[in-house]
N, C-alpha and C. Protein backbone atom coordinates (compact mmCIF):
# COMPACT_ATOMS: atom_id res chain seq x y z
N MET A 1 -4.14 25.37 -12.79
CA MET A 1 -4.73 24.07 -12.44
C MET A 1 -5.84 23.62 -13.89
N SER A 2 -5.79 22.74 -14.35
CA SER A 2 -6.31 21.78 -14.91
C SER A 2 -8.19 21.93 -14.53
N THR A 3 -8.75 21.71 -15.61
CA THR A 3 -10.22 22.12 -14.80
C THR A 3 -10.94 21.48 -14.41
N PHE A 4 -10.82 19.82 -14.68
CA PHE A 4 -11.13 19.01 -13.48
C PHE A 4 -10.59 18.61 -12.29
N ALA A 5 -9.28 19.02 -12.49
CA ALA A 5 -8.86 18.73 -11.03
C ALA A 5 -8.87 19.99 -9.92
N LYS A 6 -9.14 20.99 -10.87
CA LYS A 6 -9.39 22.15 -9.93
C LYS A 6 -10.65 22.17 -9.20
N ARG A 7 -11.67 21.83 -10.39
CA ARG A 7 -13.27 21.98 -9.89
C ARG A 7 -13.46 21.02 -9.05
N GLU A 8 -12.80 19.44 -8.59
CA GLU A 8 -12.75 18.52 -7.61
C GLU A 8 -12.51 19.25 -6.52
N ARG A 9 -11.11 19.20 -6.87
CA ARG A 9 -10.36 20.25 -5.47
C ARG A 9 -11.33 21.25 -4.52
N LEU A 10 -12.20 22.12 -5.35
CA LEU A 10 -12.88 23.01 -4.44
C LEU A 10 -14.24 22.31 -4.16
N LEU A 11 -14.92 21.20 -4.93
CA LEU A 11 -15.90 20.68 -4.56
C LEU A 11 -15.39 19.46 -2.87
N LEU A 12 -14.44 19.06 -3.18
CA LEU A 12 -14.04 18.46 -2.15
C LEU A 12 -13.34 19.47 -0.74
N ALA A 13 -12.85 20.50 -0.91
CA ALA A 13 -12.80 21.20 -0.06
C ALA A 13 -14.48 21.85 0.90
N ASP A 14 -15.34 22.55 0.27
CA ASP A 14 -16.45 22.79 0.17
C ASP A 14 -17.11 21.55 1.22
N LEU A 15 -16.87 20.13 0.56
CA LEU A 15 -17.51 19.34 1.12
C LEU A 15 -16.91 18.99 2.98
N LEU A 16 -15.82 18.72 2.58
CA LEU A 16 -14.98 18.85 4.04
C LEU A 16 -15.19 20.19 5.05
N GLU A 17 -15.60 21.01 4.19
CA GLU A 17 -16.18 22.34 5.47
C GLU A 17 -17.10 22.04 6.10
N THR A 18 -18.36 21.51 5.04
CA THR A 18 -19.92 21.70 5.62
C THR A 18 -19.57 20.39 6.79
N ALA A 19 -19.08 19.21 6.15
CA ALA A 19 -19.21 18.18 7.10
C ALA A 19 -18.46 18.24 8.45
N GLY A 20 -17.36 19.27 8.87
CA GLY A 20 -17.10 19.54 9.73
C GLY A 20 -15.95 18.53 9.93
N PRO A 21 -15.08 18.72 10.96
CA PRO A 21 -13.35 17.71 11.22
C PRO A 21 -14.01 16.09 11.64
N ASP A 22 -15.10 16.08 12.17
CA ASP A 22 -15.38 14.71 12.99
C ASP A 22 -16.19 13.29 11.98
N ALA A 23 -16.71 14.37 10.86
CA ALA A 23 -17.52 13.41 10.21
C ALA A 23 -16.77 11.89 9.52
N PRO A 24 -17.64 10.88 9.71
CA PRO A 24 -16.87 9.59 8.77
C PRO A 24 -17.10 9.89 7.62
N THR A 25 -15.79 9.00 6.88
CA THR A 25 -15.60 8.64 5.36
C THR A 25 -15.07 7.20 5.19
N LEU A 26 -15.51 7.01 3.81
CA LEU A 26 -14.99 5.82 3.60
C LEU A 26 -13.66 5.02 3.34
N CYS A 27 -12.67 6.17 4.04
CA CYS A 27 -11.35 5.53 3.95
C CYS A 27 -11.55 5.09 5.46
N GLU A 28 -11.07 3.86 5.95
CA GLU A 28 -11.43 3.08 7.05
C GLU A 28 -10.33 4.04 7.91
N GLY A 29 -11.22 4.24 9.08
CA GLY A 29 -10.05 4.72 10.37
C GLY A 29 -9.85 5.92 10.58
N TRP A 30 -10.65 6.58 9.19
CA TRP A 30 -10.21 8.56 9.05
C TRP A 30 -11.64 9.11 9.36
N GLN A 31 -11.20 10.33 10.27
CA GLN A 31 -12.75 10.98 9.60
C GLN A 31 -11.98 11.97 8.64
N THR A 32 -12.84 13.02 8.77
CA THR A 32 -12.86 14.34 7.80
C THR A 32 -11.67 14.92 7.98
N ARG A 33 -11.50 14.97 9.75
CA ARG A 33 -9.85 15.83 9.35
C ARG A 33 -8.83 15.13 9.30
N ASP A 34 -8.69 13.40 9.17
CA ASP A 34 -7.73 12.79 8.96
C ASP A 34 -7.29 12.83 7.28
N LEU A 35 -8.81 12.93 6.42
CA LEU A 35 -8.49 13.04 4.99
C LEU A 35 -8.00 14.43 4.61
N ALA A 36 -8.63 14.90 5.06
CA ALA A 36 -7.82 16.58 5.22
C ALA A 36 -6.52 16.66 5.64
N ALA A 37 -5.86 16.31 6.33
CA ALA A 37 -4.50 16.29 6.57
C ALA A 37 -3.62 15.54 5.48
N HIS A 38 -4.17 14.25 5.06
CA HIS A 38 -3.58 13.49 4.08
C HIS A 38 -3.49 14.43 2.58
N VAL A 39 -4.42 15.00 2.32
CA VAL A 39 -4.64 15.67 1.10
C VAL A 39 -3.60 16.73 1.05
N VAL A 40 -3.75 17.59 2.66
CA VAL A 40 -2.48 18.57 2.36
C VAL A 40 -0.93 18.04 2.57
N VAL A 41 -0.56 16.90 3.20
CA VAL A 41 0.57 16.26 3.52
C VAL A 41 0.98 15.69 1.89
N ARG A 42 0.06 15.62 1.13
CA ARG A 42 0.29 14.68 -0.16
C ARG A 42 0.97 15.65 -0.87
N GLU A 43 0.20 17.44 -0.96
CA GLU A 43 0.75 18.01 -1.64
C GLU A 43 2.12 19.05 -1.29
N ARG A 44 1.76 18.89 -0.21
CA ARG A 44 2.75 20.07 0.41
C ARG A 44 4.19 19.44 1.64
N ARG A 45 4.50 18.02 1.66
CA ARG A 45 5.72 17.15 2.21
C ARG A 45 5.56 16.14 1.28
N PRO A 46 6.13 16.80 0.22
CA PRO A 46 6.86 15.42 -0.42
C PRO A 46 7.75 14.34 0.43
N ASP A 47 8.81 14.85 1.19
CA ASP A 47 9.74 14.13 2.08
C ASP A 47 8.88 12.93 2.92
N ALA A 48 7.61 13.42 3.65
CA ALA A 48 6.48 12.39 4.20
C ALA A 48 5.73 11.48 3.02
N ALA A 49 5.38 12.43 2.22
CA ALA A 49 4.46 11.69 1.21
C ALA A 49 4.51 10.19 0.90
N GLY A 50 6.01 10.51 0.09
CA GLY A 50 6.77 8.90 -0.10
C GLY A 50 6.10 7.49 0.44
N GLY A 51 5.98 7.68 2.30
CA GLY A 51 4.88 6.65 2.66
C GLY A 51 3.98 6.16 2.08
N LEU A 52 3.67 6.50 1.38
CA LEU A 52 1.70 5.83 0.89
C LEU A 52 2.65 5.15 0.08
N LEU A 53 3.86 5.01 -0.53
CA LEU A 53 4.22 4.14 -1.06
C LEU A 53 5.65 3.31 -0.80
N VAL A 54 6.34 3.83 -0.32
CA VAL A 54 7.21 2.96 0.29
C VAL A 54 7.27 2.80 1.74
N PRO A 55 7.10 1.33 2.25
CA PRO A 55 6.76 0.89 3.57
C PRO A 55 7.89 1.48 4.79
N GLN A 56 9.44 1.44 4.17
CA GLN A 56 9.99 1.63 4.96
C GLN A 56 9.70 3.54 5.39
N LEU A 57 8.87 4.37 5.05
CA LEU A 57 8.84 6.09 5.29
C LEU A 57 7.70 5.91 5.34
N ALA A 58 6.94 4.85 6.13
CA ALA A 58 5.66 4.62 6.69
C ALA A 58 5.67 5.41 8.19
N ALA A 59 6.74 5.14 8.60
CA ALA A 59 6.22 5.75 9.78
C ALA A 59 6.41 7.47 9.95
N ARG A 60 7.34 8.16 8.96
CA ARG A 60 7.14 9.18 8.90
C ARG A 60 6.31 9.76 8.58
N LEU A 61 5.48 9.35 7.88
CA LEU A 61 4.13 9.75 7.35
C LEU A 61 3.25 9.99 8.66
N ASP A 62 3.42 8.95 8.83
CA ASP A 62 2.15 9.10 10.14
C ASP A 62 2.57 9.85 11.13
N LYS A 63 4.02 10.19 11.39
CA LYS A 63 4.48 11.17 12.21
C LYS A 63 3.80 12.75 11.43
N VAL A 64 4.22 13.12 10.48
CA VAL A 64 3.48 13.85 10.05
C VAL A 64 1.82 14.45 9.89
N MET A 65 1.64 12.91 9.31
CA MET A 65 -0.01 13.39 9.20
C MET A 65 -0.16 13.94 10.86
N GLU A 66 0.14 13.24 11.98
CA GLU A 66 -0.38 13.86 13.31
C GLU A 66 -0.24 15.02 13.20
N GLU A 67 0.75 15.28 12.82
CA GLU A 67 1.16 17.13 12.88
C GLU A 67 0.51 17.85 12.74
N PHE A 68 -0.29 17.45 11.00
CA PHE A 68 -0.90 18.39 10.25
C PHE A 68 -2.61 17.98 10.92
N ALA A 69 -3.15 16.64 11.08
CA ALA A 69 -3.95 16.41 11.83
C ALA A 69 -4.14 17.39 13.20
N ALA A 70 -3.36 18.04 13.57
CA ALA A 70 -3.67 18.66 14.83
C ALA A 70 -3.74 20.29 14.60
N LYS A 71 -3.91 20.24 13.38
CA LYS A 71 -3.73 22.13 12.94
C LYS A 71 -4.83 22.41 13.12
N PRO A 72 -5.58 23.59 13.24
CA PRO A 72 -6.80 23.99 12.91
C PRO A 72 -7.68 23.48 11.50
N TYR A 73 -8.46 22.88 11.71
CA TYR A 73 -9.18 22.50 10.65
C TYR A 73 -9.72 23.46 9.69
N GLU A 74 -10.05 24.74 10.30
CA GLU A 74 -10.03 25.65 8.66
C GLU A 74 -9.05 25.75 8.09
N GLU A 75 -7.64 25.52 8.82
CA GLU A 75 -6.33 25.85 8.12
C GLU A 75 -6.26 24.52 6.91
N LEU A 76 -6.37 23.49 7.34
CA LEU A 76 -6.52 22.33 6.66
C LEU A 76 -7.18 22.61 5.39
N ILE A 77 -8.49 23.13 5.39
CA ILE A 77 -9.60 23.48 4.58
C ILE A 77 -8.60 24.52 3.36
N GLN A 78 -8.78 25.44 4.46
CA GLN A 78 -7.97 26.78 3.03
C GLN A 78 -6.43 26.23 2.30
N LEU A 79 -5.95 25.55 3.08
CA LEU A 79 -4.39 25.26 2.43
C LEU A 79 -5.21 24.14 1.12
N ILE A 80 -6.08 23.33 1.35
CA ILE A 80 -6.47 22.32 0.20
C ILE A 80 -6.73 23.14 -0.90
N ARG A 81 -7.83 24.20 -0.59
CA ARG A 81 -8.49 25.29 -1.37
C ARG A 81 -7.55 26.00 -2.30
N THR A 82 -6.46 26.53 -1.47
CA THR A 82 -5.16 27.51 -2.61
C THR A 82 -4.29 26.40 -3.29
N GLY A 83 -4.17 25.24 -3.09
CA GLY A 83 -4.11 24.05 -3.83
C GLY A 83 -2.12 24.30 -3.04
N PRO A 84 -1.27 23.46 -3.71
CA PRO A 84 0.52 23.01 -3.80
C PRO A 84 1.46 24.58 -3.72
N PRO A 85 1.94 24.70 -2.80
CA PRO A 85 2.88 25.84 -2.94
C PRO A 85 3.60 25.97 -4.24
N ARG A 86 4.46 27.18 -4.14
CA ARG A 86 4.72 27.43 -5.52
C ARG A 86 5.16 26.47 -6.39
N PHE A 87 6.41 26.16 -5.73
CA PHE A 87 7.58 25.43 -6.71
C PHE A 87 7.42 23.92 -6.60
N SER A 88 6.06 23.49 -6.47
CA SER A 88 5.50 22.13 -6.08
C SER A 88 5.36 21.81 -7.85
N PRO A 89 5.89 20.39 -8.41
CA PRO A 89 5.23 20.20 -9.42
C PRO A 89 3.85 19.96 -9.83
N PHE A 90 3.18 20.02 -8.74
CA PHE A 90 1.61 19.93 -8.94
C PHE A 90 1.09 20.72 -9.15
N GLN A 91 1.97 22.11 -9.11
CA GLN A 91 1.38 23.87 -9.61
C GLN A 91 1.21 23.31 -11.30
N LEU A 92 2.37 22.36 -11.99
CA LEU A 92 1.79 21.70 -13.40
C LEU A 92 0.92 21.89 -13.85
N LYS A 93 0.45 22.14 -14.82
CA LYS A 93 -0.93 21.62 -14.87
C LYS A 93 -1.07 20.22 -15.86
N GLN A 94 0.13 20.44 -16.34
CA GLN A 94 0.07 18.19 -16.90
C GLN A 94 0.19 17.48 -15.63
N VAL A 95 0.95 17.79 -14.39
CA VAL A 95 0.90 17.08 -13.73
C VAL A 95 -0.40 16.92 -12.63
N ASP A 96 -0.92 18.37 -12.44
CA ASP A 96 -1.77 18.34 -11.39
C ASP A 96 -3.38 17.69 -12.26
N GLU A 97 -3.65 17.92 -13.56
CA GLU A 97 -4.31 16.98 -14.19
C GLU A 97 -4.23 15.60 -14.09
N ALA A 98 -3.10 14.84 -14.44
CA ALA A 98 -2.84 13.47 -13.83
C ALA A 98 -3.33 13.12 -12.52
N SER A 99 -2.27 13.44 -12.21
CA SER A 99 -2.28 13.39 -10.25
C SER A 99 -3.29 13.62 -9.83
N ASN A 100 -4.34 14.80 -9.44
CA ASN A 100 -5.26 14.70 -9.11
C ASN A 100 -6.56 14.87 -9.30
N THR A 101 -6.95 14.71 -10.36
CA THR A 101 -8.08 14.56 -10.90
C THR A 101 -8.93 13.27 -10.36
N ILE A 102 -8.28 11.92 -10.36
CA ILE A 102 -8.88 11.00 -9.48
C ILE A 102 -9.10 11.24 -7.99
N GLU A 103 -7.53 11.27 -7.72
CA GLU A 103 -7.09 11.64 -6.02
C GLU A 103 -8.39 12.16 -5.65
N PHE A 104 -9.08 13.86 -6.64
CA PHE A 104 -10.10 14.05 -5.71
C PHE A 104 -11.38 13.90 -6.11
N TYR A 105 -11.57 13.21 -6.76
CA TYR A 105 -12.82 12.69 -7.34
C TYR A 105 -12.87 11.43 -6.20
N VAL A 106 -12.08 10.70 -5.69
CA VAL A 106 -12.38 9.82 -4.98
C VAL A 106 -12.84 10.03 -3.51
N HIS A 107 -11.59 11.07 -3.35
CA HIS A 107 -11.83 11.64 -1.70
C HIS A 107 -12.99 12.41 -1.78
N THR A 108 -13.79 13.26 -2.74
CA THR A 108 -14.97 13.88 -2.82
C THR A 108 -16.11 12.58 -2.20
N GLU A 109 -15.58 11.67 -2.96
CA GLU A 109 -16.93 10.51 -2.83
C GLU A 109 -16.73 9.76 -1.57
N ASP A 110 -15.50 9.82 -1.20
CA ASP A 110 -15.15 9.49 0.56
C ASP A 110 -16.13 9.97 1.34
N VAL A 111 -15.99 11.27 1.25
CA VAL A 111 -16.74 12.00 2.28
C VAL A 111 -18.50 11.58 1.74
N ARG A 112 -18.90 12.01 0.53
CA ARG A 112 -20.39 12.36 -0.01
C ARG A 112 -21.14 10.85 0.37
N ARG A 113 -20.12 10.18 0.10
CA ARG A 113 -20.94 8.75 0.43
C ARG A 113 -21.30 7.94 2.04
N ALA A 114 -19.98 8.68 2.75
CA ALA A 114 -20.22 7.98 4.16
C ALA A 114 -21.38 8.69 4.62
N GLY A 115 -22.09 9.23 4.54
CA GLY A 115 -23.25 9.40 5.23
C GLY A 115 -24.48 9.09 5.00
N PRO A 116 -25.70 8.86 5.65
CA PRO A 116 -26.71 7.52 5.52
C PRO A 116 -27.55 7.67 4.29
N GLU A 117 -27.35 8.85 3.82
CA GLU A 117 -27.94 9.58 2.30
C GLU A 117 -27.41 9.84 1.58
N TRP A 118 -27.41 9.57 0.54
CA TRP A 118 -26.60 10.01 -0.96
C TRP A 118 -27.13 9.53 -2.36
N THR A 119 -26.92 10.08 -3.20
CA THR A 119 -27.07 9.38 -4.83
C THR A 119 -25.37 9.57 -5.53
N PRO A 120 -25.65 9.12 -6.34
CA PRO A 120 -24.70 9.27 -7.18
C PRO A 120 -24.43 10.32 -7.90
N ARG A 121 -23.25 11.00 -8.21
CA ARG A 121 -23.46 12.52 -8.49
C ARG A 121 -24.11 12.31 -10.13
N GLU A 122 -24.44 13.30 -10.89
CA GLU A 122 -24.76 12.84 -12.67
C GLU A 122 -23.45 13.88 -12.87
N LEU A 123 -22.74 12.90 -13.43
CA LEU A 123 -21.20 13.54 -14.18
C LEU A 123 -21.54 14.07 -15.57
N ASP A 124 -21.03 14.84 -15.76
CA ASP A 124 -21.21 14.86 -17.59
C ASP A 124 -20.36 13.90 -18.40
N PRO A 125 -20.64 14.00 -19.29
CA PRO A 125 -19.87 12.31 -20.42
C PRO A 125 -18.40 12.98 -20.29
N VAL A 126 -18.32 13.96 -20.58
CA VAL A 126 -16.97 14.72 -21.14
C VAL A 126 -15.88 13.76 -19.52
N PHE A 127 -16.44 14.36 -18.52
CA PHE A 127 -15.80 14.00 -17.46
C PHE A 127 -15.45 12.17 -17.33
N GLN A 128 -17.04 11.91 -18.02
CA GLN A 128 -16.77 10.48 -17.50
C GLN A 128 -15.76 9.99 -18.36
N ASP A 129 -15.61 10.24 -19.38
CA ASP A 129 -14.63 10.03 -20.44
C ASP A 129 -13.43 10.18 -20.08
N ALA A 130 -13.03 11.43 -18.67
CA ALA A 130 -11.77 11.80 -18.80
C ALA A 130 -11.25 10.42 -17.66
N LEU A 131 -12.42 10.12 -16.82
CA LEU A 131 -12.32 9.37 -15.67
C LEU A 131 -11.49 7.64 -16.46
N TRP A 132 -12.46 7.34 -17.41
CA TRP A 132 -12.30 6.16 -18.35
C TRP A 132 -10.98 6.04 -18.80
N SER A 133 -10.73 7.20 -19.68
CA SER A 133 -9.01 6.85 -19.86
C SER A 133 -8.29 7.03 -19.04
N ARG A 134 -8.17 7.60 -17.72
CA ARG A 134 -7.02 7.23 -16.62
C ARG A 134 -7.19 5.99 -15.86
N LEU A 135 -8.74 5.42 -16.11
CA LEU A 135 -9.11 4.07 -15.63
C LEU A 135 -8.32 2.90 -16.37
N GLU A 136 -8.36 3.08 -17.20
CA GLU A 136 -7.82 2.50 -18.72
C GLU A 136 -6.30 1.96 -18.51
N ARG A 137 -5.20 3.61 -18.25
CA ARG A 137 -4.06 3.42 -17.95
C ARG A 137 -3.96 2.56 -16.63
N ALA A 138 -4.42 2.96 -15.61
CA ALA A 138 -4.12 2.72 -14.35
C ALA A 138 -4.79 1.26 -13.71
N ALA A 139 -5.31 0.60 -14.95
CA ALA A 139 -6.36 -0.33 -13.98
C ALA A 139 -5.24 -2.09 -13.85
N ARG A 140 -4.42 -2.11 -14.75
CA ARG A 140 -3.37 -3.03 -14.69
C ARG A 140 -2.72 -2.54 -13.22
N LEU A 141 -2.18 -1.80 -13.01
CA LEU A 141 -2.03 -1.65 -11.56
C LEU A 141 -2.47 -1.66 -10.73
N MET A 142 -3.74 -1.23 -10.73
CA MET A 142 -4.42 -0.86 -9.64
C MET A 142 -5.20 -2.26 -9.17
N GLY A 143 -5.34 -3.08 -10.42
CA GLY A 143 -6.06 -4.60 -9.80
C GLY A 143 -4.87 -5.45 -10.17
N ARG A 144 -3.59 -5.26 -9.54
CA ARG A 144 -2.42 -6.46 -9.90
C ARG A 144 -3.00 -7.32 -8.29
N SER A 145 -3.50 -6.67 -7.40
CA SER A 145 -3.47 -7.22 -6.17
C SER A 145 -4.81 -8.16 -5.64
N THR A 146 -6.12 -7.94 -7.02
CA THR A 146 -7.01 -8.59 -6.36
C THR A 146 -6.96 -10.25 -6.54
N PRO A 147 -7.90 -10.58 -6.18
CA PRO A 147 -7.78 -12.30 -5.62
C PRO A 147 -7.90 -12.78 -6.97
N THR A 148 -8.98 -12.74 -8.04
CA THR A 148 -9.37 -13.20 -9.25
C THR A 148 -9.18 -12.18 -9.99
N GLY A 149 -9.46 -12.60 -11.10
CA GLY A 149 -9.50 -11.75 -13.18
C GLY A 149 -10.97 -10.92 -12.25
N LEU A 150 -9.95 -9.85 -13.12
CA LEU A 150 -11.03 -8.59 -13.09
C LEU A 150 -11.18 -7.98 -14.18
N VAL A 151 -12.60 -8.00 -15.30
CA VAL A 151 -12.81 -6.67 -15.94
C VAL A 151 -13.44 -5.87 -15.57
N LEU A 152 -13.50 -4.29 -16.18
CA LEU A 152 -13.99 -3.31 -16.20
C LEU A 152 -14.64 -3.21 -17.21
N ARG A 153 -16.11 -2.71 -17.22
CA ARG A 153 -16.79 -2.82 -18.52
C ARG A 153 -17.83 -1.52 -18.32
N ARG A 154 -17.99 -0.62 -19.41
CA ARG A 154 -18.50 0.55 -19.75
C ARG A 154 -20.19 -0.07 -20.31
N ALA A 155 -21.27 0.57 -20.35
CA ALA A 155 -22.34 0.07 -20.51
C ALA A 155 -22.05 -0.24 -21.95
N ASP A 156 -21.62 0.87 -22.75
CA ASP A 156 -21.33 0.97 -23.95
C ASP A 156 -20.57 -0.50 -24.58
N GLY A 157 -19.85 -1.32 -23.73
CA GLY A 157 -19.10 -2.53 -23.79
C GLY A 157 -17.61 -2.03 -24.13
N ARG A 158 -17.37 -1.12 -23.65
CA ARG A 158 -15.77 -0.66 -23.75
C ARG A 158 -15.26 -1.74 -22.42
N THR A 159 -13.92 -2.24 -22.46
CA THR A 159 -13.67 -2.62 -21.50
C THR A 159 -12.21 -2.63 -21.29
N ALA A 160 -11.48 -2.84 -20.00
CA ALA A 160 -10.04 -2.40 -19.41
C ALA A 160 -9.91 -3.85 -18.63
N VAL A 161 -8.82 -4.29 -18.82
CA VAL A 161 -8.47 -5.92 -17.97
C VAL A 161 -8.22 -5.22 -16.79
N ALA A 162 -8.41 -5.22 -15.39
CA ALA A 162 -7.39 -5.01 -14.15
C ALA A 162 -6.53 -6.08 -13.96
N ASN A 163 -6.89 -7.72 -13.94
CA ASN A 163 -6.57 -8.21 -13.73
C ASN A 163 -6.82 -10.19 -14.25
N ARG A 164 -5.64 -10.20 -14.89
CA ARG A 164 -6.05 -11.15 -15.82
C ARG A 164 -6.25 -12.85 -15.64
N GLY A 165 -6.24 -12.87 -14.10
CA GLY A 165 -6.08 -14.32 -13.33
C GLY A 165 -7.73 -14.61 -13.71
N THR A 166 -7.89 -15.67 -13.08
CA THR A 166 -8.97 -16.76 -13.34
C THR A 166 -9.44 -17.50 -11.80
N PRO A 167 -10.79 -17.13 -10.95
CA PRO A 167 -11.61 -17.12 -12.12
C PRO A 167 -11.87 -15.84 -12.68
N VAL A 168 -12.84 -15.08 -13.76
CA VAL A 168 -12.94 -13.91 -14.02
C VAL A 168 -14.43 -13.13 -13.13
N VAL A 169 -14.34 -12.23 -12.88
CA VAL A 169 -15.32 -11.05 -12.30
C VAL A 169 -15.18 -10.39 -13.30
N THR A 170 -16.80 -9.74 -14.04
CA THR A 170 -16.82 -8.73 -14.65
C THR A 170 -17.27 -7.91 -13.82
N ALA A 171 -17.53 -6.39 -13.71
CA ALA A 171 -17.81 -5.01 -12.80
C ALA A 171 -18.32 -4.43 -14.13
N THR A 172 -19.49 -4.35 -14.38
CA THR A 172 -20.25 -3.09 -15.19
C THR A 172 -20.76 -2.12 -14.84
N GLY A 173 -20.24 -0.82 -14.88
CA GLY A 173 -20.66 0.07 -14.80
C GLY A 173 -20.47 1.56 -15.29
N GLU A 174 -20.81 3.07 -15.10
CA GLU A 174 -20.36 4.01 -15.47
C GLU A 174 -18.93 4.20 -14.93
N PRO A 175 -17.89 5.27 -15.50
CA PRO A 175 -16.45 5.08 -15.17
C PRO A 175 -16.19 5.43 -13.83
N SER A 176 -16.85 6.27 -13.57
CA SER A 176 -16.85 7.16 -12.23
C SER A 176 -17.00 5.76 -11.11
N GLU A 177 -17.91 4.87 -11.35
CA GLU A 177 -18.73 3.72 -10.06
C GLU A 177 -17.68 2.94 -10.48
N LEU A 178 -17.37 2.29 -11.65
CA LEU A 178 -15.77 1.79 -11.63
C LEU A 178 -14.58 2.26 -11.34
N LEU A 179 -13.74 2.90 -11.39
CA LEU A 179 -13.18 4.00 -10.52
C LEU A 179 -13.12 3.66 -8.99
N LEU A 180 -14.10 3.89 -8.56
CA LEU A 180 -14.89 3.60 -6.62
C LEU A 180 -14.01 2.29 -6.51
N PHE A 181 -14.78 1.57 -7.26
CA PHE A 181 -14.69 0.26 -7.04
C PHE A 181 -13.65 -0.48 -7.37
N LEU A 182 -12.42 -0.26 -7.97
CA LEU A 182 -10.94 -0.56 -8.12
C LEU A 182 -10.54 0.13 -6.93
N TYR A 183 -10.46 1.11 -6.83
CA TYR A 183 -9.63 1.90 -5.90
C TYR A 183 -10.24 1.65 -4.61
N GLY A 184 -11.42 0.72 -4.01
CA GLY A 184 -11.27 0.13 -2.97
C GLY A 184 -12.82 0.43 -2.14
N ARG A 185 -13.48 0.90 -2.83
CA ARG A 185 -14.85 1.44 -2.00
C ARG A 185 -15.84 0.64 -2.74
N GLN A 186 -16.17 -0.86 -2.71
CA GLN A 186 -16.76 -1.80 -3.32
C GLN A 186 -18.37 -1.60 -2.64
N SER A 187 -18.04 -1.24 -1.20
CA SER A 187 -19.51 -1.19 -0.76
C SER A 187 -19.97 0.31 -1.28
N ALA A 188 -19.60 0.84 -1.57
CA ALA A 188 -20.62 2.07 -2.19
C ALA A 188 -20.30 2.10 -3.74
N ALA A 189 -19.82 1.58 -4.27
CA ALA A 189 -19.88 1.79 -5.32
C ALA A 189 -20.63 1.12 -6.30
N LYS A 190 -21.24 2.09 -7.54
CA LYS A 190 -22.74 0.98 -8.25
C LYS A 190 -21.99 0.44 -9.24
N VAL A 191 -22.06 -1.03 -9.13
CA VAL A 191 -21.53 -1.55 -10.19
C VAL A 191 -22.26 -3.21 -10.20
N GLU A 192 -22.57 -3.56 -11.49
CA GLU A 192 -22.82 -4.62 -11.41
C GLU A 192 -22.04 -6.20 -11.78
N LEU A 193 -22.05 -6.92 -11.00
CA LEU A 193 -20.89 -8.06 -10.74
C LEU A 193 -21.32 -9.35 -11.49
N GLU A 194 -20.82 -9.53 -12.33
CA GLU A 194 -20.54 -10.88 -13.35
C GLU A 194 -20.06 -12.09 -12.80
N GLY A 195 -20.03 -13.33 -12.68
CA GLY A 195 -19.06 -14.20 -12.34
C GLY A 195 -19.31 -15.45 -11.34
N GLU A 196 -18.92 -16.43 -11.07
CA GLU A 196 -19.03 -17.26 -10.12
C GLU A 196 -19.37 -16.36 -8.79
N LYS A 197 -20.27 -17.06 -7.97
CA LYS A 197 -20.89 -16.82 -6.75
C LYS A 197 -19.32 -16.76 -5.79
N ASP A 198 -18.47 -17.80 -5.91
CA ASP A 198 -17.63 -17.80 -4.95
C ASP A 198 -16.89 -16.99 -5.46
N ALA A 199 -16.53 -16.33 -6.85
CA ALA A 199 -15.24 -15.58 -7.12
C ALA A 199 -15.63 -14.18 -6.71
N ILE A 200 -16.81 -13.72 -6.94
CA ILE A 200 -17.70 -12.70 -6.48
C ILE A 200 -17.18 -12.76 -4.93
N ALA A 201 -17.26 -13.10 -4.53
CA ALA A 201 -17.00 -13.42 -2.74
C ALA A 201 -15.87 -13.03 -2.25
N THR A 202 -15.01 -14.10 -2.91
CA THR A 202 -13.73 -13.61 -2.86
C THR A 202 -12.58 -12.23 -3.35
N LEU A 203 -13.60 -11.53 -4.20
CA LEU A 203 -13.09 -10.54 -4.94
C LEU A 203 -13.41 -9.18 -3.76
N TYR A 204 -14.73 -9.74 -3.34
CA TYR A 204 -15.22 -8.54 -1.99
C TYR A 204 -14.16 -8.61 -0.79
N GLY A 205 -13.77 -10.09 -0.43
CA GLY A 205 -12.71 -10.05 0.64
C GLY A 205 -11.26 -10.16 0.68
N GLY A 206 -11.17 -9.96 -0.64
CA GLY A 206 -9.67 -9.66 -1.18
C GLY A 206 -8.69 -8.25 -0.86
N LYS A 207 -7.90 -8.04 -0.89
CA LYS A 207 -7.12 -6.67 -0.80
C LYS A 207 -7.64 -6.10 -2.15
N GLN A 208 -7.59 -4.94 -2.15
CA GLN A 208 -7.78 -3.86 -3.33
C GLN A 208 -6.94 -2.70 -2.63
N LEU A 209 -6.14 -1.87 -3.50
CA LEU A 209 -5.03 -0.74 -2.89
C LEU A 209 -6.07 0.40 -3.27
N GLY A 210 -6.22 1.24 -2.53
CA GLY A 210 -6.71 2.54 -2.00
C GLY A 210 -5.93 3.59 -2.26
N LEU A 211 -6.60 4.79 -2.31
CA LEU A 211 -5.85 5.82 -1.72
C LEU A 211 -5.01 6.63 -0.60
């Protein structure tokens, strides 16, 4: 496994274990048990995980999710720690890095920031740059459903266009915070927004694609 993905995987497992199975998360309608089941199903049941993207498979995904959520919580945590099965494509370092760095970072924050007291993690510049690189590549896909134009801007001025629509809202912050914002965690992301007030209100009320 790659360095970032493995680190975030283990941190997520530790947080889920500490929080217990019934703690809140930023994923609407999900407690920690549901989030843990989601992570395991995504890696171990590709026949059902397709429901994350294909509406016709959603019913099967829901059924399999229920089955895994009913397993002992400790078993789910251990499955997250040990990672995907031997012949899974997630075992390939390149796939693990590309697919899981963001997945595990966002879900780690889903657990951390759902509690009453939290502060942003101090992430090293190398990891922030890695998140920015992924954010640049994913911005157009993730931002296509935003109801306004959306520009993501780092403190150093670098930008990524998530949606070319108008009016335009510019979100400024660390890559890690911009990532959370784009992935639908607006209420917990530490970003500054610039633009027309009505546009900002529309953006917050609009549909955001999450994990």
